[in-house]
Amino acid sequence: MELDVSDIKILNALQKDAKITNKELSALLNLSTTAIFERIKKLEKSGLIKNYSAILDRRLLGKELLVICQMRLVRHSQQNIVDFEKQIKSIDEVKECFHISGDYDYILKAAFRNMEDYHDFMVNKLTTIPSIGNTHSLFIINEVKNEVGYKLKKE
């Protein structure tokens, strides 16, 4: 999909504040509210805008402990991959999971109240997934940068 300068400005504004009104966007971009509405619908229909959501502060939710877990599967078979991915998607503590190259097969990010909750997760959830061979966990000391959007510009 070819994006023009107005599309890029709309996308940047929506990523910054998804609750911005069409009227506010209209004033910002010097376009009619109808034009803004039509452009946003086009971006949604194309799939570029997948959905809208609120970004919550995990600390205010009591999720102080952020952990990166590296996973290695027992065996690289289609069934192990399918089974692992299906089971990992159902675990609420897991916020992100990526199939990666390198020494490990997967890396995931999970959030917990404390070390006790993490221990419960490891013992009662991860170790029940038979396709996992081993894991290596890293505990986040400080989030230096944590962005969810993509700064777009016309090249």
N, C-alpha and C. Protein backbone atom coordinates (compact mmCIF):
# COMPACT_ATOMS: atom_id res chain seq x y z
N MET A 1 0.84 -1.18 0.00
CA MET A 1 0.00 0.00 0.00
C MET A 1 0.88 1.24 0.00
N GLU A 2 0.62 2.13 -0.91
CA GLU A 2 1.37 3.39 -1.02
C GLU A 2 0.79 4.42 -0.06
N LEU A 3 1.62 4.95 0.80
CA LEU A 3 1.19 5.96 1.78
C LEU A 3 1.66 7.34 1.33
N ASP A 4 0.76 8.31 1.42
CA ASP A 4 1.18 9.68 1.14
C ASP A 4 1.45 10.39 2.48
N VAL A 5 1.85 11.64 2.39
CA VAL A 5 2.23 12.40 3.58
C VAL A 5 1.06 12.49 4.57
N SER A 6 -0.16 12.68 4.07
CA SER A 6 -1.32 12.78 4.97
C SER A 6 -1.58 11.46 5.69
N ASP A 7 -1.46 10.33 4.96
CA ASP A 7 -1.63 9.02 5.60
C ASP A 7 -0.61 8.83 6.72
N ILE A 8 0.62 9.21 6.45
CA ILE A 8 1.69 9.06 7.44
C ILE A 8 1.41 9.93 8.66
N LYS A 9 0.95 11.15 8.45
CA LYS A 9 0.63 12.03 9.58
C LYS A 9 -0.53 11.46 10.40
N ILE A 10 -1.52 10.90 9.72
CA ILE A 10 -2.65 10.27 10.42
C ILE A 10 -2.16 9.09 11.24
N LEU A 11 -1.35 8.24 10.65
CA LEU A 11 -0.85 7.06 11.36
C LEU A 11 0.01 7.44 12.56
N ASN A 12 0.88 8.42 12.40
CA ASN A 12 1.70 8.88 13.52
C ASN A 12 0.83 9.44 14.64
N ALA A 13 -0.18 10.22 14.28
CA ALA A 13 -1.06 10.80 15.29
C ALA A 13 -1.86 9.72 16.01
N LEU A 14 -2.38 8.75 15.27
CA LEU A 14 -3.16 7.67 15.89
C LEU A 14 -2.30 6.79 16.80
N GLN A 15 -1.03 6.58 16.42
CA GLN A 15 -0.14 5.80 17.28
C GLN A 15 0.16 6.54 18.58
N LYS A 16 0.23 7.85 18.49
CA LYS A 16 0.49 8.65 19.68
C LYS A 16 -0.74 8.72 20.57
N ASP A 17 -1.92 8.84 19.96
CA ASP A 17 -3.18 8.94 20.71
C ASP A 17 -4.31 8.39 19.84
N ALA A 18 -4.69 7.15 20.07
CA ALA A 18 -5.73 6.51 19.27
C ALA A 18 -7.11 7.12 19.50
N LYS A 19 -7.24 7.95 20.54
CA LYS A 19 -8.52 8.59 20.83
C LYS A 19 -8.65 9.97 20.19
N ILE A 20 -7.65 10.36 19.41
CA ILE A 20 -7.74 11.66 18.74
C ILE A 20 -8.97 11.63 17.82
N THR A 21 -9.70 12.72 17.80
CA THR A 21 -10.93 12.75 17.01
C THR A 21 -10.63 13.10 15.55
N ASN A 22 -11.56 12.77 14.69
CA ASN A 22 -11.42 13.14 13.29
C ASN A 22 -11.37 14.65 13.13
N LYS A 23 -12.10 15.35 13.99
CA LYS A 23 -12.09 16.82 13.96
C LYS A 23 -10.70 17.36 14.30
N GLU A 24 -10.07 16.77 15.32
CA GLU A 24 -8.72 17.20 15.70
C GLU A 24 -7.72 16.87 14.59
N LEU A 25 -7.86 15.69 14.00
CA LEU A 25 -6.99 15.32 12.87
C LEU A 25 -7.21 16.26 11.69
N SER A 26 -8.45 16.62 11.46
CA SER A 26 -8.80 17.53 10.38
C SER A 26 -8.07 18.86 10.54
N ALA A 27 -8.08 19.40 11.74
CA ALA A 27 -7.39 20.67 12.01
C ALA A 27 -5.88 20.52 11.88
N LEU A 28 -5.36 19.39 12.35
CA LEU A 28 -3.92 19.13 12.31
C LEU A 28 -3.40 19.00 10.88
N LEU A 29 -4.18 18.35 10.02
CA LEU A 29 -3.73 18.07 8.65
C LEU A 29 -4.33 19.01 7.61
N ASN A 30 -5.22 19.88 8.05
CA ASN A 30 -5.88 20.80 7.12
C ASN A 30 -6.64 20.04 6.03
N LEU A 31 -7.36 19.00 6.45
CA LEU A 31 -8.23 18.21 5.57
C LEU A 31 -9.63 18.20 6.18
N SER A 32 -10.63 17.90 5.38
CA SER A 32 -11.99 17.82 5.92
C SER A 32 -12.12 16.59 6.81
N THR A 33 -13.08 16.63 7.72
CA THR A 33 -13.31 15.46 8.59
C THR A 33 -13.74 14.26 7.76
N THR A 34 -14.46 14.49 6.66
CA THR A 34 -14.86 13.40 5.76
C THR A 34 -13.63 12.75 5.13
N ALA A 35 -12.68 13.56 4.69
CA ALA A 35 -11.45 13.03 4.10
C ALA A 35 -10.66 12.22 5.13
N ILE A 36 -10.59 12.71 6.35
CA ILE A 36 -9.90 11.99 7.43
C ILE A 36 -10.58 10.65 7.67
N PHE A 37 -11.91 10.68 7.80
CA PHE A 37 -12.68 9.46 8.03
C PHE A 37 -12.42 8.43 6.93
N GLU A 38 -12.47 8.87 5.68
CA GLU A 38 -12.26 7.97 4.54
C GLU A 38 -10.84 7.41 4.52
N ARG A 39 -9.86 8.23 4.84
CA ARG A 39 -8.47 7.76 4.87
C ARG A 39 -8.27 6.71 5.97
N ILE A 40 -8.84 6.97 7.14
CA ILE A 40 -8.70 6.01 8.25
C ILE A 40 -9.38 4.70 7.89
N LYS A 41 -10.57 4.76 7.30
CA LYS A 41 -11.27 3.53 6.88
C LYS A 41 -10.44 2.75 5.86
N LYS A 42 -9.80 3.46 4.94
CA LYS A 42 -8.94 2.83 3.92
C LYS A 42 -7.75 2.13 4.61
N LEU A 43 -7.15 2.80 5.58
CA LEU A 43 -6.00 2.22 6.30
C LEU A 43 -6.42 1.00 7.13
N GLU A 44 -7.62 1.05 7.70
CA GLU A 44 -8.14 -0.09 8.46
C GLU A 44 -8.44 -1.26 7.52
N LYS A 45 -9.11 -0.96 6.41
CA LYS A 45 -9.50 -2.01 5.46
C LYS A 45 -8.28 -2.69 4.85
N SER A 46 -7.19 -1.93 4.65
CA SER A 46 -5.97 -2.50 4.07
C SER A 46 -5.26 -3.43 5.05
N GLY A 47 -5.61 -3.32 6.35
CA GLY A 47 -4.96 -4.14 7.37
C GLY A 47 -3.76 -3.45 8.01
N LEU A 48 -3.37 -2.28 7.49
CA LEU A 48 -2.25 -1.56 8.08
C LEU A 48 -2.57 -1.18 9.53
N ILE A 49 -3.78 -0.71 9.77
CA ILE A 49 -4.25 -0.50 11.15
C ILE A 49 -4.95 -1.80 11.54
N LYS A 50 -4.33 -2.55 12.44
CA LYS A 50 -4.88 -3.85 12.84
C LYS A 50 -6.00 -3.71 13.86
N ASN A 51 -5.80 -2.85 14.85
CA ASN A 51 -6.81 -2.61 15.87
C ASN A 51 -6.39 -1.42 16.72
N TYR A 52 -7.22 -1.08 17.67
CA TYR A 52 -6.94 0.01 18.60
C TYR A 52 -6.95 -0.58 20.01
N SER A 53 -6.04 -0.10 20.85
CA SER A 53 -6.03 -0.63 22.21
C SER A 53 -5.47 0.41 23.18
N ALA A 54 -5.71 0.16 24.46
CA ALA A 54 -5.14 0.99 25.51
C ALA A 54 -3.87 0.32 26.01
N ILE A 55 -2.84 1.09 26.22
CA ILE A 55 -1.57 0.56 26.72
C ILE A 55 -1.56 0.79 28.23
N LEU A 56 -1.54 -0.30 28.98
CA LEU A 56 -1.61 -0.22 30.43
C LEU A 56 -0.22 -0.22 31.05
N ASP A 57 -0.09 0.38 32.19
CA ASP A 57 1.17 0.38 32.93
C ASP A 57 1.21 -0.87 33.79
N ARG A 58 2.07 -1.81 33.42
CA ARG A 58 2.12 -3.10 34.13
C ARG A 58 2.46 -2.94 35.61
N ARG A 59 3.26 -1.94 35.94
CA ARG A 59 3.64 -1.73 37.34
C ARG A 59 2.42 -1.33 38.18
N LEU A 60 1.56 -0.49 37.61
CA LEU A 60 0.35 -0.09 38.33
C LEU A 60 -0.62 -1.26 38.47
N LEU A 61 -0.45 -2.28 37.64
CA LEU A 61 -1.25 -3.51 37.75
C LEU A 61 -0.61 -4.52 38.69
N GLY A 62 0.54 -4.14 39.27
CA GLY A 62 1.21 -5.03 40.21
C GLY A 62 2.14 -6.03 39.55
N LYS A 63 2.47 -5.83 38.29
CA LYS A 63 3.37 -6.74 37.56
C LYS A 63 4.77 -6.14 37.55
N GLU A 64 5.45 -6.23 38.68
CA GLU A 64 6.77 -5.62 38.84
C GLU A 64 7.90 -6.38 38.15
N LEU A 65 7.75 -7.70 38.06
CA LEU A 65 8.84 -8.54 37.54
C LEU A 65 8.62 -8.83 36.07
N LEU A 66 9.55 -8.39 35.23
CA LEU A 66 9.50 -8.64 33.80
C LEU A 66 10.63 -9.60 33.46
N VAL A 67 10.30 -10.67 32.74
CA VAL A 67 11.27 -11.73 32.48
C VAL A 67 11.31 -12.05 30.99
N ILE A 68 12.52 -12.24 30.48
CA ILE A 68 12.72 -12.74 29.12
C ILE A 68 13.16 -14.20 29.28
N CYS A 69 12.44 -15.10 28.64
CA CYS A 69 12.77 -16.53 28.71
C CYS A 69 13.18 -17.01 27.33
N GLN A 70 14.32 -17.66 27.28
CA GLN A 70 14.77 -18.28 26.05
C GLN A 70 14.43 -19.76 26.14
N MET A 71 13.86 -20.31 25.07
CA MET A 71 13.40 -21.70 25.07
C MET A 71 14.08 -22.49 23.96
N ARG A 72 14.45 -23.70 24.29
CA ARG A 72 14.96 -24.63 23.29
C ARG A 72 14.04 -25.83 23.29
N LEU A 73 13.58 -26.23 22.12
CA LEU A 73 12.71 -27.40 22.02
C LEU A 73 13.52 -28.68 22.11
N VAL A 74 12.85 -29.75 22.54
CA VAL A 74 13.49 -31.06 22.62
C VAL A 74 13.91 -31.51 21.23
N ARG A 75 13.00 -31.33 20.28
CA ARG A 75 13.23 -31.76 18.91
C ARG A 75 12.53 -30.79 17.97
N HIS A 76 13.14 -30.55 16.82
CA HIS A 76 12.55 -29.64 15.84
C HIS A 76 11.65 -30.41 14.87
N SER A 77 10.47 -30.68 15.33
CA SER A 77 9.49 -31.33 14.44
C SER A 77 8.30 -30.40 14.30
N GLN A 78 7.56 -30.59 13.22
CA GLN A 78 6.39 -29.76 13.00
C GLN A 78 5.42 -29.88 14.18
N GLN A 79 5.23 -31.09 14.68
CA GLN A 79 4.29 -31.30 15.78
C GLN A 79 4.74 -30.60 17.06
N ASN A 80 6.05 -30.64 17.36
CA ASN A 80 6.56 -29.95 18.55
C ASN A 80 6.35 -28.44 18.44
N ILE A 81 6.61 -27.91 17.26
CA ILE A 81 6.44 -26.47 17.05
C ILE A 81 4.97 -26.08 17.22
N VAL A 82 4.09 -26.81 16.56
CA VAL A 82 2.65 -26.52 16.64
C VAL A 82 2.16 -26.64 18.08
N ASP A 83 2.55 -27.72 18.76
CA ASP A 83 2.12 -27.93 20.15
C ASP A 83 2.63 -26.83 21.07
N PHE A 84 3.92 -26.50 20.95
CA PHE A 84 4.51 -25.47 21.80
C PHE A 84 3.79 -24.14 21.60
N GLU A 85 3.62 -23.73 20.35
CA GLU A 85 3.01 -22.43 20.06
C GLU A 85 1.56 -22.38 20.54
N LYS A 86 0.84 -23.47 20.39
CA LYS A 86 -0.55 -23.51 20.86
C LYS A 86 -0.60 -23.35 22.38
N GLN A 87 0.25 -24.07 23.09
CA GLN A 87 0.23 -24.01 24.55
C GLN A 87 0.71 -22.65 25.06
N ILE A 88 1.74 -22.09 24.44
CA ILE A 88 2.29 -20.81 24.92
C ILE A 88 1.27 -19.68 24.73
N LYS A 89 0.48 -19.75 23.66
CA LYS A 89 -0.55 -18.72 23.41
C LYS A 89 -1.62 -18.70 24.49
N SER A 90 -1.80 -19.81 25.18
CA SER A 90 -2.85 -19.88 26.20
C SER A 90 -2.39 -19.46 27.60
N ILE A 91 -1.12 -19.12 27.75
CA ILE A 91 -0.59 -18.73 29.06
C ILE A 91 -0.66 -17.21 29.20
N ASP A 92 -1.48 -16.74 30.13
CA ASP A 92 -1.73 -15.31 30.31
C ASP A 92 -0.48 -14.49 30.65
N GLU A 93 0.43 -15.06 31.39
CA GLU A 93 1.63 -14.31 31.81
C GLU A 93 2.53 -13.97 30.61
N VAL A 94 2.46 -14.77 29.57
CA VAL A 94 3.29 -14.55 28.39
C VAL A 94 2.68 -13.42 27.56
N LYS A 95 3.44 -12.36 27.38
CA LYS A 95 2.97 -11.18 26.66
C LYS A 95 3.43 -11.16 25.21
N GLU A 96 4.59 -11.72 24.95
CA GLU A 96 5.13 -11.78 23.60
C GLU A 96 5.91 -13.07 23.46
N CYS A 97 5.90 -13.63 22.26
CA CYS A 97 6.67 -14.84 21.98
C CYS A 97 7.10 -14.80 20.53
N PHE A 98 8.37 -15.09 20.29
CA PHE A 98 8.93 -15.06 18.95
C PHE A 98 9.70 -16.35 18.66
N HIS A 99 9.51 -16.90 17.48
CA HIS A 99 10.30 -18.02 16.99
C HIS A 99 11.56 -17.37 16.41
N ILE A 100 12.73 -17.77 16.90
CA ILE A 100 13.96 -17.07 16.55
C ILE A 100 15.01 -18.01 15.97
N SER A 101 16.06 -17.43 15.42
CA SER A 101 17.22 -18.20 14.98
C SER A 101 18.28 -18.10 16.07
N GLY A 102 19.29 -18.92 15.99
CA GLY A 102 20.38 -18.86 16.96
C GLY A 102 20.37 -20.05 17.89
N ASP A 103 20.93 -19.86 19.08
CA ASP A 103 21.09 -20.95 20.04
C ASP A 103 19.77 -21.44 20.63
N TYR A 104 18.78 -20.58 20.66
CA TYR A 104 17.47 -20.95 21.20
C TYR A 104 16.44 -20.93 20.07
N ASP A 105 15.32 -21.57 20.32
CA ASP A 105 14.26 -21.65 19.31
C ASP A 105 13.22 -20.56 19.48
N TYR A 106 12.96 -20.17 20.72
CA TYR A 106 11.94 -19.16 21.02
C TYR A 106 12.46 -18.24 22.10
N ILE A 107 11.93 -17.01 22.07
CA ILE A 107 12.17 -16.07 23.15
C ILE A 107 10.81 -15.49 23.51
N LEU A 108 10.55 -15.39 24.81
CA LEU A 108 9.26 -14.83 25.22
C LEU A 108 9.46 -13.82 26.33
N LYS A 109 8.49 -12.93 26.42
CA LYS A 109 8.48 -11.92 27.48
C LYS A 109 7.26 -12.18 28.33
N ALA A 110 7.47 -12.21 29.64
CA ALA A 110 6.37 -12.49 30.56
C ALA A 110 6.46 -11.54 31.76
N ALA A 111 5.29 -11.25 32.35
CA ALA A 111 5.23 -10.31 33.47
C ALA A 111 4.59 -10.98 34.68
N PHE A 112 5.15 -10.68 35.87
CA PHE A 112 4.71 -11.31 37.12
C PHE A 112 4.67 -10.29 38.25
N ARG A 113 3.89 -10.64 39.27
CA ARG A 113 3.85 -9.81 40.47
C ARG A 113 5.20 -9.84 41.19
N ASN A 114 5.76 -11.03 41.30
CA ASN A 114 6.98 -11.21 42.08
C ASN A 114 7.65 -12.54 41.71
N MET A 115 8.75 -12.85 42.38
CA MET A 115 9.50 -14.06 42.10
C MET A 115 8.69 -15.32 42.41
N GLU A 116 7.83 -15.24 43.39
CA GLU A 116 6.98 -16.39 43.73
C GLU A 116 6.04 -16.73 42.57
N ASP A 117 5.46 -15.71 41.96
CA ASP A 117 4.58 -15.94 40.80
C ASP A 117 5.37 -16.50 39.62
N TYR A 118 6.60 -15.99 39.44
CA TYR A 118 7.46 -16.51 38.38
C TYR A 118 7.77 -17.99 38.62
N HIS A 119 8.08 -18.33 39.85
CA HIS A 119 8.36 -19.72 40.20
C HIS A 119 7.16 -20.61 39.91
N ASP A 120 5.98 -20.15 40.27
CA ASP A 120 4.75 -20.90 40.00
C ASP A 120 4.57 -21.10 38.49
N PHE A 121 4.84 -20.07 37.72
CA PHE A 121 4.77 -20.13 36.26
C PHE A 121 5.72 -21.19 35.71
N MET A 122 6.96 -21.16 36.18
CA MET A 122 7.96 -22.13 35.70
C MET A 122 7.56 -23.55 36.06
N VAL A 123 7.19 -23.78 37.31
CA VAL A 123 6.90 -25.14 37.80
C VAL A 123 5.58 -25.68 37.28
N ASN A 124 4.55 -24.85 37.26
CA ASN A 124 3.21 -25.35 36.94
C ASN A 124 2.73 -25.09 35.52
N LYS A 125 3.46 -24.27 34.78
CA LYS A 125 3.01 -23.99 33.40
C LYS A 125 4.07 -24.38 32.38
N LEU A 126 5.26 -23.79 32.46
CA LEU A 126 6.27 -24.08 31.44
C LEU A 126 6.73 -25.54 31.46
N THR A 127 6.99 -26.06 32.64
CA THR A 127 7.49 -27.44 32.71
C THR A 127 6.45 -28.48 32.33
N THR A 128 5.20 -28.07 32.15
CA THR A 128 4.17 -29.02 31.72
C THR A 128 4.09 -29.11 30.19
N ILE A 129 4.86 -28.28 29.50
CA ILE A 129 4.90 -28.33 28.03
C ILE A 129 5.99 -29.32 27.63
N PRO A 130 5.61 -30.49 27.13
CA PRO A 130 6.58 -31.55 26.87
C PRO A 130 7.60 -31.25 25.77
N SER A 131 7.29 -30.34 24.87
CA SER A 131 8.21 -30.06 23.76
C SER A 131 9.38 -29.16 24.16
N ILE A 132 9.35 -28.58 25.38
CA ILE A 132 10.45 -27.73 25.84
C ILE A 132 11.59 -28.60 26.36
N GLY A 133 12.78 -28.37 25.79
CA GLY A 133 13.97 -29.09 26.24
C GLY A 133 14.63 -28.40 27.40
N ASN A 134 14.89 -27.09 27.24
CA ASN A 134 15.44 -26.31 28.35
C ASN A 134 15.11 -24.84 28.18
N THR A 135 15.29 -24.10 29.27
CA THR A 135 14.99 -22.68 29.28
C THR A 135 16.13 -21.92 29.94
N HIS A 136 16.19 -20.66 29.63
CA HIS A 136 17.15 -19.75 30.26
C HIS A 136 16.41 -18.44 30.47
N SER A 137 16.35 -17.97 31.72
CA SER A 137 15.59 -16.77 32.02
C SER A 137 16.49 -15.59 32.35
N LEU A 138 16.08 -14.42 31.88
CA LEU A 138 16.77 -13.17 32.14
C LEU A 138 15.78 -12.24 32.82
N PHE A 139 16.19 -11.61 33.91
CA PHE A 139 15.31 -10.73 34.67
C PHE A 139 15.63 -9.28 34.34
N ILE A 140 14.61 -8.53 33.96
CA ILE A 140 14.80 -7.15 33.54
C ILE A 140 15.04 -6.27 34.77
N ILE A 141 16.15 -5.56 34.75
CA ILE A 141 16.49 -4.65 35.83
C ILE A 141 15.82 -3.29 35.61
N ASN A 142 15.88 -2.80 34.36
CA ASN A 142 15.31 -1.49 34.04
C ASN A 142 14.93 -1.46 32.57
N GLU A 143 13.76 -0.91 32.27
CA GLU A 143 13.35 -0.72 30.88
C GLU A 143 13.95 0.60 30.39
N VAL A 144 14.89 0.51 29.48
CA VAL A 144 15.54 1.69 28.95
C VAL A 144 14.69 2.30 27.84
N LYS A 145 14.11 1.44 27.01
CA LYS A 145 13.23 1.90 25.93
C LYS A 145 12.20 0.82 25.70
N ASN A 146 10.94 1.23 25.64
CA ASN A 146 9.84 0.29 25.41
C ASN A 146 8.77 1.02 24.61
N GLU A 147 8.88 0.95 23.29
CA GLU A 147 7.94 1.62 22.40
C GLU A 147 7.07 0.60 21.70
N VAL A 148 5.85 0.97 21.41
CA VAL A 148 4.97 0.08 20.69
C VAL A 148 4.66 0.56 19.28
N GLY A 149 4.92 1.81 18.98
CA GLY A 149 4.59 2.37 17.68
C GLY A 149 5.79 2.38 16.73
N TYR A 150 5.53 2.82 15.50
CA TYR A 150 6.56 2.96 14.48
C TYR A 150 6.52 4.39 13.96
N LYS A 151 7.59 5.12 14.15
CA LYS A 151 7.67 6.50 13.66
C LYS A 151 7.80 6.45 12.15
N LEU A 152 6.78 6.95 11.45
CA LEU A 152 6.77 6.90 9.99
C LEU A 152 7.16 8.24 9.41
N LYS A 153 7.86 8.22 8.28
CA LYS A 153 8.17 9.45 7.56
C LYS A 153 8.20 9.14 6.08
N LYS A 154 7.92 10.12 5.30
CA LYS A 154 7.90 9.98 3.85
C LYS A 154 9.33 10.07 3.36
N GLU A 155 9.74 9.07 2.59
CA GLU A 155 11.13 9.09 2.08
C GLU A 155 11.20 9.64 0.69
